[in-house]
Amino acid sequence: MDKTADLLPGTLDMLILKAVSLKPLHGYGVLLRIGQISKDALQIPQGSLYPALHRLEHQGLLTARWGESENKRKAKYYTVTPAGRKRLRDETAGWNRLASAIAAALEATPDEI
């Protein structure tokens, strides 16, 4: 059985913001960090990641600067802005409410109906 999970729509931005909130990262580093913090349950395709990074930067939720990667190559490093931190808090709270509601629904028994 495949141990990776499919991303639900709308969760990629939240995961990117979380990964970058832990430490400024370049694009490939974001992929690695999401894999790491999800215990390899989530694998993000590069074709989805880079448009999302650009969208978050355009929305003012991330800033970017050019730097040098670990392998001495030019790389764009992303940092979360204060607006990005607020969005991450808000989306995390919403996600936690939804996850709790779904968990409660799945734990329902015939006696409760």
PDB file of N, CA and C in Angstrom:
ATOM      1  N   MET A   1       0.844  -1.190   0.000  1.00  0.00           N
ATOM      2  CA  MET A   1       0.000   0.000   0.000  1.00  0.00           C
ATOM      3  C   MET A   1       0.883   1.245   0.000  1.00  0.00           C
ATOM      4  N   ASP A   2       0.540   2.220  -0.824  1.00  0.00           N
ATOM      5  CA  ASP A   2       1.295   3.460  -0.929  1.00  0.00           C
ATOM      6  C   ASP A   2       1.140   4.250   0.368  1.00  0.00           C
ATOM      7  N   LYS A   3       2.277   4.709   0.938  1.00  0.00           N
ATOM      8  CA  LYS A   3       2.215   5.434   2.206  1.00  0.00           C
ATOM      9  C   LYS A   3       2.036   6.936   2.031  1.00  0.00           C
ATOM     10  N   THR A   4       2.037   7.430   0.790  1.00  0.00           N
ATOM     11  CA  THR A   4       1.817   8.852   0.585  1.00  0.00           C
ATOM     12  C   THR A   4       0.326   9.140   0.504  1.00  0.00           C
ATOM     13  N   ALA A   5      -0.046  10.347   0.887  1.00  0.00           N
ATOM     14  CA  ALA A   5      -1.448  10.761   0.885  1.00  0.00           C
ATOM     15  C   ALA A   5      -1.645  11.834  -0.177  1.00  0.00           C
ATOM     16  N   ASP A   6      -2.838  11.885  -0.733  1.00  0.00           N
ATOM     17  CA  ASP A   6      -3.170  12.944  -1.684  1.00  0.00           C
ATOM     18  C   ASP A   6      -3.500  14.217  -0.906  1.00  0.00           C
ATOM     19  N   LEU A   7      -3.070  15.344  -1.444  1.00  0.00           N
ATOM     20  CA  LEU A   7      -3.382  16.631  -0.819  1.00  0.00           C
ATOM     21  C   LEU A   7      -4.817  17.013  -1.115  1.00  0.00           C
ATOM     22  N   LEU A   8      -5.482  17.521  -0.121  1.00  0.00           N
ATOM     23  CA  LEU A   8      -6.816  18.066  -0.332  1.00  0.00           C
ATOM     24  C   LEU A   8      -6.684  19.448  -0.961  1.00  0.00           C
ATOM     25  N   PRO A   9      -7.640  19.837  -1.796  1.00  0.00           N
ATOM     26  CA  PRO A   9      -7.571  21.171  -2.410  1.00  0.00           C
ATOM     27  C   PRO A   9      -7.457  22.257  -1.338  1.00  0.00           C
ATOM     28  N   GLY A  10      -6.584  23.217  -1.594  1.00  0.00           N
ATOM     29  CA  GLY A  10      -6.434  24.343  -0.675  1.00  0.00           C
ATOM     30  C   GLY A  10      -5.419  24.143   0.423  1.00  0.00           C
ATOM     31  N   THR A  11      -4.835  22.954   0.531  1.00  0.00           N
ATOM     32  CA  THR A  11      -3.890  22.722   1.627  1.00  0.00           C
ATOM     33  C   THR A  11      -2.438  23.009   1.250  1.00  0.00           C
ATOM     34  N   LEU A  12      -2.124  23.072  -0.035  1.00  0.00           N
ATOM     35  CA  LEU A  12      -0.740  23.276  -0.438  1.00  0.00           C
ATOM     36  C   LEU A  12      -0.185  24.597   0.080  1.00  0.00           C
ATOM     37  N   ASP A  13      -0.940  25.677  -0.057  1.00  0.00           N
ATOM     38  CA  ASP A  13      -0.463  26.974   0.427  1.00  0.00           C
ATOM     39  C   ASP A  13      -0.167  26.922   1.919  1.00  0.00           C
ATOM     40  N   MET A  14      -1.050  26.307   2.689  1.00  0.00           N
ATOM     41  CA  MET A  14      -0.858  26.205   4.134  1.00  0.00           C
ATOM     42  C   MET A  14       0.418  25.417   4.447  1.00  0.00           C
ATOM     43  N   LEU A  15       0.657  24.338   3.729  1.00  0.00           N
ATOM     44  CA  LEU A  15       1.851  23.527   3.970  1.00  0.00           C
ATOM     45  C   LEU A  15       3.130  24.280   3.599  1.00  0.00           C
ATOM     46  N   ILE A  16       3.075  25.035   2.519  1.00  0.00           N
ATOM     47  CA  ILE A  16       4.238  25.836   2.128  1.00  0.00           C
ATOM     48  C   ILE A  16       4.520  26.889   3.191  1.00  0.00           C
ATOM     49  N   LEU A  17       3.480  27.591   3.625  1.00  0.00           N
ATOM     50  CA  LEU A  17       3.671  28.608   4.661  1.00  0.00           C
ATOM     51  C   LEU A  17       4.247  27.998   5.935  1.00  0.00           C
ATOM     52  N   LYS A  18       3.763  26.826   6.311  1.00  0.00           N
ATOM     53  CA  LYS A  18       4.293  26.158   7.504  1.00  0.00           C
ATOM     54  C   LYS A  18       5.763  25.808   7.328  1.00  0.00           C
ATOM     55  N   ALA A  19       6.107  25.203   6.197  1.00  0.00           N
ATOM     56  CA  ALA A  19       7.492  24.802   5.956  1.00  0.00           C
ATOM     57  C   ALA A  19       8.431  25.998   5.994  1.00  0.00           C
ATOM     58  N   VAL A  20       8.046  27.081   5.332  1.00  0.00           N
ATOM     59  CA  VAL A  20       8.912  28.258   5.262  1.00  0.00           C
ATOM     60  C   VAL A  20       8.915  29.019   6.590  1.00  0.00           C
ATOM     61  N   SER A  21       7.859  28.875   7.398  1.00  0.00           N
ATOM     62  CA  SER A  21       7.833  29.550   8.700  1.00  0.00           C
ATOM     63  C   SER A  21       8.873  28.969   9.654  1.00  0.00           C
ATOM     64  N   LEU A  22       9.296  27.752   9.411  1.00  0.00           N
ATOM     65  CA  LEU A  22      10.282  27.106  10.275  1.00  0.00           C
ATOM     66  C   LEU A  22      11.700  27.588   9.992  1.00  0.00           C
ATOM     67  N   LYS A  23      11.946  27.978   8.726  1.00  0.00           N
ATOM     68  CA  LYS A  23      13.271  28.424   8.314  1.00  0.00           C
ATOM     69  C   LYS A  23      13.170  28.872   6.864  1.00  0.00           C
ATOM     70  N   PRO A  24      13.844  29.975   6.482  1.00  0.00           N
ATOM     71  CA  PRO A  24      13.835  30.349   5.062  1.00  0.00           C
ATOM     72  C   PRO A  24      14.365  29.186   4.212  1.00  0.00           C
ATOM     73  N   LEU A  25      13.691  28.939   3.106  1.00  0.00           N
ATOM     74  CA  LEU A  25      14.038  27.798   2.258  1.00  0.00           C
ATOM     75  C   LEU A  25      13.971  28.165   0.792  1.00  0.00           C
ATOM     76  N   HIS A  26      14.762  27.469  -0.021  1.00  0.00           N
ATOM     77  CA  HIS A  26      14.608  27.572  -1.468  1.00  0.00           C
ATOM     78  C   HIS A  26      13.558  26.552  -1.889  1.00  0.00           C
ATOM     79  N   GLY A  27      13.117  26.633  -3.140  1.00  0.00           N
ATOM     80  CA  GLY A  27      12.008  25.806  -3.603  1.00  0.00           C
ATOM     81  C   GLY A  27      12.176  24.324  -3.322  1.00  0.00           C
ATOM     82  N   TYR A  28      13.306  23.764  -3.716  1.00  0.00           N
ATOM     83  CA  TYR A  28      13.507  22.332  -3.490  1.00  0.00           C
ATOM     84  C   TYR A  28      13.538  22.019  -1.996  1.00  0.00           C
ATOM     85  N   GLY A  29      14.068  22.952  -1.208  1.00  0.00           N
ATOM     86  CA  GLY A  29      14.071  22.781   0.246  1.00  0.00           C
ATOM     87  C   GLY A  29      12.663  22.715   0.817  1.00  0.00           C
ATOM     88  N   VAL A  30      11.733  23.461   0.208  1.00  0.00           N
ATOM     89  CA  VAL A  30      10.332  23.413   0.636  1.00  0.00           C
ATOM     90  C   VAL A  30       9.777  22.010   0.405  1.00  0.00           C
ATOM     91  N   LEU A  31      10.071  21.430  -0.757  1.00  0.00           N
ATOM     92  CA  LEU A  31       9.625  20.055  -1.040  1.00  0.00           C
ATOM     93  C   LEU A  31      10.155  19.089   0.006  1.00  0.00           C
ATOM     94  N   LEU A  32      11.445  19.201   0.297  1.00  0.00           N
ATOM     95  CA  LEU A  32      12.059  18.299   1.283  1.00  0.00           C
ATOM     96  C   LEU A  32      11.465  18.497   2.675  1.00  0.00           C
ATOM     97  N   ARG A  33      11.257  19.770   3.061  1.00  0.00           N
ATOM     98  CA  ARG A  33      10.738  20.054   4.399  1.00  0.00           C
ATOM     99  C   ARG A  33       9.319  19.524   4.569  1.00  0.00           C
ATOM    100  N   ILE A  34       8.459  19.683   3.562  1.00  0.00           N
ATOM    101  CA  ILE A  34       7.095  19.164   3.644  1.00  0.00           C
ATOM    102  C   ILE A  34       7.130  17.643   3.779  1.00  0.00           C
ATOM    103  N   GLY A  35       7.992  16.999   3.022  1.00  0.00           N
ATOM    104  CA  GLY A  35       8.151  15.555   3.178  1.00  0.00           C
ATOM    105  C   GLY A  35       8.602  15.195   4.585  1.00  0.00           C
ATOM    106  N   GLN A  36       9.569  15.941   5.102  1.00  0.00           N
ATOM    107  CA  GLN A  36      10.102  15.679   6.438  1.00  0.00           C
ATOM    108  C   GLN A  36       9.043  15.872   7.523  1.00  0.00           C
ATOM    109  N   ILE A  37       8.340  17.004   7.511  1.00  0.00           N
ATOM    110  CA  ILE A  37       7.397  17.283   8.596  1.00  0.00           C
ATOM    111  C   ILE A  37       6.134  16.436   8.506  1.00  0.00           C
ATOM    112  N   SER A  38       5.886  15.858   7.319  1.00  0.00           N
ATOM    113  CA  SER A  38       4.730  14.961   7.186  1.00  0.00           C
ATOM    114  C   SER A  38       5.150  13.498   7.326  1.00  0.00           C
ATOM    115  N   LYS A  39       6.395  13.283   7.745  1.00  0.00           N
ATOM    116  CA  LYS A  39       6.934  11.922   7.878  1.00  0.00           C
ATOM    117  C   LYS A  39       6.810  11.161   6.555  1.00  0.00           C
ATOM    118  N   ASP A  40       7.105  11.872   5.466  1.00  0.00           N
ATOM    119  CA  ASP A  40       7.078  11.352   4.098  1.00  0.00           C
ATOM    120  C   ASP A  40       5.697  10.903   3.624  1.00  0.00           C
ATOM    121  N   ALA A  41       4.649  11.353   4.295  1.00  0.00           N
ATOM    122  CA  ALA A  41       3.290  11.017   3.858  1.00  0.00           C
ATOM    123  C   ALA A  41       2.836  11.920   2.720  1.00  0.00           C
ATOM    124  N   LEU A  42       3.446  13.101   2.588  1.00  0.00           N
ATOM    125  CA  LEU A  42       3.064  14.052   1.549  1.00  0.00           C
ATOM    126  C   LEU A  42       4.243  14.316   0.631  1.00  0.00           C
ATOM    127  N   GLN A  43       4.042  14.100  -0.633  1.00  0.00           N
ATOM    128  CA  GLN A  43       5.048  14.380  -1.659  1.00  0.00           C
ATOM    129  C   GLN A  43       4.432  15.379  -2.631  1.00  0.00           C
ATOM    130  N   ILE A  44       5.022  16.554  -2.729  1.00  0.00           N
ATOM    131  CA  ILE A  44       4.480  17.621  -3.557  1.00  0.00           C
ATOM    132  C   ILE A  44       5.185  17.611  -4.915  1.00  0.00           C
ATOM    133  N   PRO A  45       4.446  17.547  -6.010  1.00  0.00           N
ATOM    134  CA  PRO A  45       5.082  17.622  -7.333  1.00  0.00           C
ATOM    135  C   PRO A  45       5.660  19.012  -7.572  1.00  0.00           C
ATOM    136  N   GLN A  46       6.849  19.066  -8.174  1.00  0.00           N
ATOM    137  CA  GLN A  46       7.474  20.359  -8.458  1.00  0.00           C
ATOM    138  C   GLN A  46       6.576  21.224  -9.333  1.00  0.00           C
ATOM    139  N   GLY A  47       5.816  20.611 -10.211  1.00  0.00           N
ATOM    140  CA  GLY A  47       4.915  21.353 -11.084  1.00  0.00           C
ATOM    141  C   GLY A  47       3.799  22.056 -10.336  1.00  0.00           C
ATOM    142  N   SER A  48       3.508  21.623  -9.129  1.00  0.00           N
ATOM    143  CA  SER A  48       2.509  22.290  -8.285  1.00  0.00           C
ATOM    144  C   SER A  48       3.171  23.301  -7.351  1.00  0.00           C
ATOM    145  N   LEU A  49       4.375  22.980  -6.897  1.00  0.00           N
ATOM    146  CA  LEU A  49       5.050  23.815  -5.901  1.00  0.00           C
ATOM    147  C   LEU A  49       5.410  25.198  -6.428  1.00  0.00           C
ATOM    148  N   TYR A  50       6.090  25.261  -7.557  1.00  0.00           N
ATOM    149  CA  TYR A  50       6.619  26.554  -8.008  1.00  0.00           C
ATOM    150  C   TYR A  50       5.533  27.573  -8.351  1.00  0.00           C
ATOM    151  N   PRO A  51       4.447  27.180  -9.004  1.00  0.00           N
ATOM    152  CA  PRO A  51       3.367  28.165  -9.186  1.00  0.00           C
ATOM    153  C   PRO A  51       2.787  28.644  -7.847  1.00  0.00           C
ATOM    154  N   ALA A  52       2.704  27.750  -6.876  1.00  0.00           N
ATOM    155  CA  ALA A  52       2.182  28.136  -5.557  1.00  0.00           C
ATOM    156  C   ALA A  52       3.139  29.109  -4.868  1.00  0.00           C
ATOM    157  N   LEU A  53       4.442  28.876  -4.954  1.00  0.00           N
ATOM    158  CA  LEU A  53       5.415  29.805  -4.361  1.00  0.00           C
ATOM    159  C   LEU A  53       5.277  31.191  -4.988  1.00  0.00           C
ATOM    160  N   HIS A  54       5.165  31.246  -6.304  1.00  0.00           N
ATOM    161  CA  HIS A  54       5.019  32.536  -6.983  1.00  0.00           C
ATOM    162  C   HIS A  54       3.706  33.214  -6.595  1.00  0.00           C
ATOM    163  N   ARG A  55       2.648  32.443  -6.484  1.00  0.00           N
ATOM    164  CA  ARG A  55       1.343  33.000  -6.096  1.00  0.00           C
ATOM    165  C   ARG A  55       1.423  33.587  -4.679  1.00  0.00           C
ATOM    166  N   LEU A  56       2.030  32.856  -3.742  1.00  0.00           N
ATOM    167  CA  LEU A  56       2.146  33.332  -2.362  1.00  0.00           C
ATOM    168  C   LEU A  56       3.023  34.581  -2.278  1.00  0.00           C
ATOM    169  N   GLU A  57       4.058  34.613  -3.098  1.00  0.00           N
ATOM    170  CA  GLU A  57       4.915  35.803  -3.140  1.00  0.00           C
ATOM    171  C   GLU A  57       4.119  36.990  -3.694  1.00  0.00           C
ATOM    172  N   HIS A  58       3.377  36.771  -4.759  1.00  0.00           N
ATOM    173  CA  HIS A  58       2.565  37.837  -5.369  1.00  0.00           C
ATOM    174  C   HIS A  58       1.502  38.362  -4.391  1.00  0.00           C
ATOM    175  N   GLN A  59       0.976  37.474  -3.547  1.00  0.00           N
ATOM    176  CA  GLN A  59      -0.039  37.871  -2.562  1.00  0.00           C
ATOM    177  C   GLN A  59       0.570  38.560  -1.340  1.00  0.00           C
ATOM    178  N   GLY A  60       1.887  38.640  -1.283  1.00  0.00           N
ATOM    179  CA  GLY A  60       2.552  39.289  -0.155  1.00  0.00           C
ATOM    180  C   GLY A  60       2.665  38.399   1.075  1.00  0.00           C
ATOM    181  N   LEU A  61       2.483  37.094   0.907  1.00  0.00           N
ATOM    182  CA  LEU A  61       2.576  36.166   2.034  1.00  0.00           C
ATOM    183  C   LEU A  61       3.985  35.605   2.200  1.00  0.00           C
ATOM    184  N   LEU A  62       4.773  35.674   1.140  1.00  0.00           N
ATOM    185  CA  LEU A  62       6.181  35.278   1.155  1.00  0.00           C
ATOM    186  C   LEU A  62       7.001  36.386   0.518  1.00  0.00           C
ATOM    187  N   THR A  63       8.240  36.532   0.970  1.00  0.00           N
ATOM    188  CA  THR A  63       9.211  37.358   0.264  1.00  0.00           C
ATOM    189  C   THR A  63      10.295  36.424  -0.234  1.00  0.00           C
ATOM    190  N   ALA A  64      11.026  36.868  -1.243  1.00  0.00           N
ATOM    191  CA  ALA A  64      12.080  36.036  -1.803  1.00  0.00           C
ATOM    192  C   ALA A  64      13.340  36.863  -2.017  1.00  0.00           C
ATOM    193  N   ARG A  65      14.472  36.205  -1.859  1.00  0.00           N
ATOM    194  CA  ARG A  65      15.764  36.834  -2.156  1.00  0.00           C
ATOM    195  C   ARG A  65      16.657  35.760  -2.761  1.00  0.00           C
ATOM    196  N   TRP A  66      17.554  36.205  -3.612  1.00  0.00           N
ATOM    197  CA  TRP A  66      18.483  35.267  -4.225  1.00  0.00           C
ATOM    198  C   TRP A  66      19.648  35.011  -3.282  1.00  0.00           C
ATOM    199  N   GLY A  67      20.072  33.765  -3.224  1.00  0.00           N
ATOM    200  CA  GLY A  67      21.201  33.372  -2.400  1.00  0.00           C
ATOM    201  C   GLY A  67      21.877  32.164  -3.017  1.00  0.00           C
ATOM    202  N   GLU A  68      22.772  31.586  -2.261  1.00  0.00           N
ATOM    203  CA  GLU A  68      23.509  30.416  -2.729  1.00  0.00           C
ATOM    204  C   GLU A  68      23.057  29.192  -1.951  1.00  0.00           C
ATOM    205  N   SER A  69      22.749  28.124  -2.660  1.00  0.00           N
ATOM    206  CA  SER A  69      22.293  26.887  -2.017  1.00  0.00           C
ATOM    207  C   SER A  69      23.479  26.117  -1.449  1.00  0.00           C
ATOM    208  N   GLU A  70      23.169  25.010  -0.789  1.00  0.00           N
ATOM    209  CA  GLU A  70      24.188  24.172  -0.174  1.00  0.00           C
ATOM    210  C   GLU A  70      25.187  23.635  -1.201  1.00  0.00           C
ATOM    211  N   ASN A  71      24.725  23.441  -2.429  1.00  0.00           N
ATOM    212  CA  ASN A  71      25.606  22.916  -3.476  1.00  0.00           C
ATOM    213  C   ASN A  71      26.191  24.030  -4.356  1.00  0.00           C
ATOM    214  N   LYS A  72      26.222  25.248  -3.791  1.00  0.00           N
ATOM    215  CA  LYS A  72      26.863  26.409  -4.422  1.00  0.00           C
ATOM    216  C   LYS A  72      26.183  26.877  -5.708  1.00  0.00           C
ATOM    217  N   ARG A  73      24.878  26.636  -5.804  1.00  0.00           N
ATOM    218  CA  ARG A  73      24.113  27.103  -6.960  1.00  0.00           C
ATOM    219  C   ARG A  73      23.234  28.281  -6.540  1.00  0.00           C
ATOM    220  N   LYS A  74      22.925  29.135  -7.486  1.00  0.00           N
ATOM    221  CA  LYS A  74      22.046  30.274  -7.239  1.00  0.00           C
ATOM    222  C   LYS A  74      20.637  29.741  -6.960  1.00  0.00           C
ATOM    223  N   ALA A  75      20.012  30.223  -5.880  1.00  0.00           N
ATOM    224  CA  ALA A  75      18.677  29.747  -5.504  1.00  0.00           C
ATOM    225  C   ALA A  75      17.880  30.894  -4.900  1.00  0.00           C
ATOM    226  N   LYS A  76      16.578  30.846  -5.103  1.00  0.00           N
ATOM    227  CA  LYS A  76      15.669  31.840  -4.543  1.00  0.00           C
ATOM    228  C   LYS A  76      15.189  31.323  -3.191  1.00  0.00           C
ATOM    229  N   TYR A  77      15.460  32.078  -2.128  1.00  0.00           N
ATOM    230  CA  TYR A  77      15.073  31.705  -0.762  1.00  0.00           C
ATOM    231  C   TYR A  77      13.817  32.462  -0.351  1.00  0.00           C
ATOM    232  N   TYR A  78      12.865  31.731   0.209  1.00  0.00           N
ATOM    233  CA  TYR A  78      11.570  32.301   0.600  1.00  0.00           C
ATOM    234  C   TYR A  78      11.497  32.454   2.114  1.00  0.00           C
ATOM    235  N   THR A  79      10.870  33.554   2.539  1.00  0.00           N
ATOM    236  CA  THR A  79      10.645  33.862   3.951  1.00  0.00           C
ATOM    237  C   THR A  79       9.179  34.257   4.113  1.00  0.00           C
ATOM    238  N   VAL A  80       8.570  33.873   5.218  1.00  0.00           N
ATOM    239  CA  VAL A  80       7.171  34.228   5.489  1.00  0.00           C
ATOM    240  C   VAL A  80       7.097  35.669   5.978  1.00  0.00           C
ATOM    241  N   THR A  81       6.152  36.413   5.451  1.00  0.00           N
ATOM    242  CA  THR A  81       5.904  37.788   5.884  1.00  0.00           C
ATOM    243  C   THR A  81       4.945  37.761   7.089  1.00  0.00           C
ATOM    244  N   PRO A  82       4.780  38.892   7.784  1.00  0.00           N
ATOM    245  CA  PRO A  82       3.775  38.939   8.856  1.00  0.00           C
ATOM    246  C   PRO A  82       2.371  38.558   8.346  1.00  0.00           C
ATOM    247  N   ALA A  83       2.011  39.003   7.141  1.00  0.00           N
ATOM    248  CA  ALA A  83       0.705  38.620   6.581  1.00  0.00           C
ATOM    249  C   ALA A  83       0.649  37.112   6.340  1.00  0.00           C
ATOM    250  N   GLY A  84       1.767  36.526   5.941  1.00  0.00           N
ATOM    251  CA  GLY A  84       1.829  35.083   5.744  1.00  0.00           C
ATOM    252  C   GLY A  84       1.672  34.327   7.052  1.00  0.00           C
ATOM    253  N   ARG A  85       2.267  34.848   8.119  1.00  0.00           N
ATOM    254  CA  ARG A  85       2.122  34.203   9.444  1.00  0.00           C
ATOM    255  C   ARG A  85       0.670  34.257   9.913  1.00  0.00           C
ATOM    256  N   LYS A  86       0.016  35.393   9.660  1.00  0.00           N
ATOM    257  CA  LYS A  86      -1.396  35.511  10.039  1.00  0.00           C
ATOM    258  C   LYS A  86      -2.241  34.524   9.236  1.00  0.00           C
ATOM    259  N   ARG A  87      -2.006  34.443   7.933  1.00  0.00           N
ATOM    260  CA  ARG A  87      -2.748  33.498   7.093  1.00  0.00           C
ATOM    261  C   ARG A  87      -2.521  32.070   7.587  1.00  0.00           C
ATOM    262  N   LEU A  88      -1.282  31.738   7.936  1.00  0.00           N
ATOM    263  CA  LEU A  88      -0.979  30.397   8.429  1.00  0.00           C
ATOM    264  C   LEU A  88      -1.744  30.115   9.725  1.00  0.00           C
ATOM    265  N   ARG A  89      -1.768  31.070  10.649  1.00  0.00           N
ATOM    266  CA  ARG A  89      -2.531  30.884  11.900  1.00  0.00           C
ATOM    267  C   ARG A  89      -4.013  30.672  11.608  1.00  0.00           C
ATOM    268  N   ASP A  90      -4.575  31.523  10.741  1.00  0.00           N
ATOM    269  CA  ASP A  90      -5.999  31.426  10.422  1.00  0.00           C
ATOM    270  C   ASP A  90      -6.336  30.102   9.744  1.00  0.00           C
ATOM    271  N   GLU A  91      -5.528  29.710   8.763  1.00  0.00           N
ATOM    272  CA  GLU A  91      -5.803  28.465   8.043  1.00  0.00           C
ATOM    273  C   GLU A  91      -5.589  27.242   8.931  1.00  0.00           C
ATOM    274  N   THR A  92      -4.601  27.312   9.819  1.00  0.00           N
ATOM    275  CA  THR A  92      -4.359  26.204  10.751  1.00  0.00           C
ATOM    276  C   THR A  92      -5.550  26.039  11.690  1.00  0.00           C
ATOM    277  N   ALA A  93      -6.076  27.143  12.191  1.00  0.00           N
ATOM    278  CA  ALA A  93      -7.242  27.078  13.079  1.00  0.00           C
ATOM    279  C   ALA A  93      -8.445  26.488  12.336  1.00  0.00           C
ATOM    280  N   GLY A  94      -8.664  26.924  11.104  1.00  0.00           N
ATOM    281  CA  GLY A  94      -9.773  26.394  10.306  1.00  0.00           C
ATOM    282  C   GLY A  94      -9.593  24.908  10.022  1.00  0.00           C
ATOM    283  N   TRP A  95      -8.389  24.520   9.660  1.00  0.00           N
ATOM    284  CA  TRP A  95      -8.102  23.112   9.389  1.00  0.00           C
ATOM    285  C   TRP A  95      -8.340  22.269  10.646  1.00  0.00           C
ATOM    286  N   ASN A  96      -7.888  22.741  11.792  1.00  0.00           N
ATOM    287  CA  ASN A  96      -8.072  21.995  13.045  1.00  0.00           C
ATOM    288  C   ASN A  96      -9.547  21.851  13.402  1.00  0.00           C
ATOM    289  N   ARG A  97     -10.352  22.904  13.155  1.00  0.00           N
ATOM    290  CA  ARG A  97     -11.797  22.804  13.398  1.00  0.00           C
ATOM    291  C   ARG A  97     -12.422  21.755  12.482  1.00  0.00           C
ATOM    292  N   LEU A  98     -12.044  21.783  11.207  1.00  0.00           N
ATOM    293  CA  LEU A  98     -12.578  20.831  10.247  1.00  0.00           C
ATOM    294  C   LEU A  98     -12.167  19.408  10.607  1.00  0.00           C
ATOM    295  N   ALA A  99     -10.902  19.198  10.940  1.00  0.00           N
ATOM    296  CA  ALA A  99     -10.418  17.860  11.295  1.00  0.00           C
ATOM    297  C   ALA A  99     -11.142  17.332  12.537  1.00  0.00           C
ATOM    298  N   SER A 100     -11.400  18.191  13.512  1.00  0.00           N
ATOM    299  CA  SER A 100     -12.131  17.778  14.715  1.00  0.00           C
ATOM    300  C   SER A 100     -13.571  17.395  14.385  1.00  0.00           C
ATOM    301  N   ALA A 101     -14.202  18.173  13.520  1.00  0.00           N
ATOM    302  CA  ALA A 101     -15.585  17.876  13.136  1.00  0.00           C
ATOM    303  C   ALA A 101     -15.667  16.556  12.374  1.00  0.00           C
ATOM    304  N   ILE A 102     -14.738  16.316  11.484  1.00  0.00           N
ATOM    305  CA  ILE A 102     -14.726  15.060  10.732  1.00  0.00           C
ATOM    306  C   ILE A 102     -14.454  13.890  11.666  1.00  0.00           C
ATOM    307  N   ALA A 103     -13.496  14.044  12.583  1.00  0.00           N
ATOM    308  CA  ALA A 103     -13.199  12.987  13.538  1.00  0.00           C
ATOM    309  C   ALA A 103     -14.422  12.658  14.395  1.00  0.00           C
ATOM    310  N   ALA A 104     -15.156  13.695  14.836  1.00  0.00           N
ATOM    311  CA  ALA A 104     -16.359  13.461  15.635  1.00  0.00           C
ATOM    312  C   ALA A 104     -17.409  12.718  14.816  1.00  0.00           C
ATOM    313  N   ALA A 105     -17.571  13.096  13.562  1.00  0.00           N
ATOM    314  CA  ALA A 105     -18.552  12.430  12.703  1.00  0.00           C
ATOM    315  C   ALA A 105     -18.175  10.957  12.498  1.00  0.00           C
ATOM    316  N   LEU A 106     -16.903  10.675  12.315  1.00  0.00           N
ATOM    317  CA  LEU A 106     -16.462   9.308  12.080  1.00  0.00           C
ATOM    318  C   LEU A 106     -16.541   8.432  13.331  1.00  0.00           C
ATOM    319  N   GLU A 107     -16.558   9.061  14.492  1.00  0.00           N
ATOM    320  CA  GLU A 107     -16.666   8.301  15.754  1.00  0.00           C
ATOM    321  C   GLU A 107     -18.110   8.071  16.185  1.00  0.00           C
ATOM    322  N   ALA A 108     -19.061   8.607  15.437  1.00  0.00           N
ATOM    323  CA  ALA A 108     -20.477   8.463  15.796  1.00  0.00           C
ATOM    324  C   ALA A 108     -20.883   6.985  15.805  1.00  0.00           C
ATOM    325  N   THR A 109     -21.750   6.643  16.742  1.00  0.00           N
ATOM    326  CA  THR A 109     -22.247   5.272  16.844  1.00  0.00           C
ATOM    327  C   THR A 109     -23.751   5.260  16.620  1.00  0.00           C
ATOM    328  N   PRO A 110     -24.328   4.103  16.322  1.00  0.00           N
ATOM    329  CA  PRO A 110     -25.785   4.036  16.118  1.00  0.00           C
ATOM    330  C   PRO A 110     -26.576   4.514  17.338  1.00  0.00           C
ATOM    331  N   ASP A 111     -26.028   4.372  18.530  1.00  0.00           N
ATOM    332  CA  ASP A 111     -26.707   4.814  19.748  1.00  0.00           C
ATOM    333  C   ASP A 111     -26.868   6.325  19.809  1.00  0.00           C
ATOM    334  N   GLU A 112     -26.034   7.057  19.097  1.00  0.00           N
ATOM    335  CA  GLU A 112     -26.067   8.519  19.143  1.00  0.00           C
ATOM    336  C   GLU A 112     -27.040   9.111  18.123  1.00  0.00           C
ATOM    337  N   ILE A 113     -27.601   8.301  17.281  1.00  0.00           N
ATOM    338  CA  ILE A 113     -28.476   8.808  16.233  1.00  0.00           C
ATOM    339  C   ILE A 113     -29.915   8.846  16.726  1.00  0.00           C
TER     340      ILE A 113
END
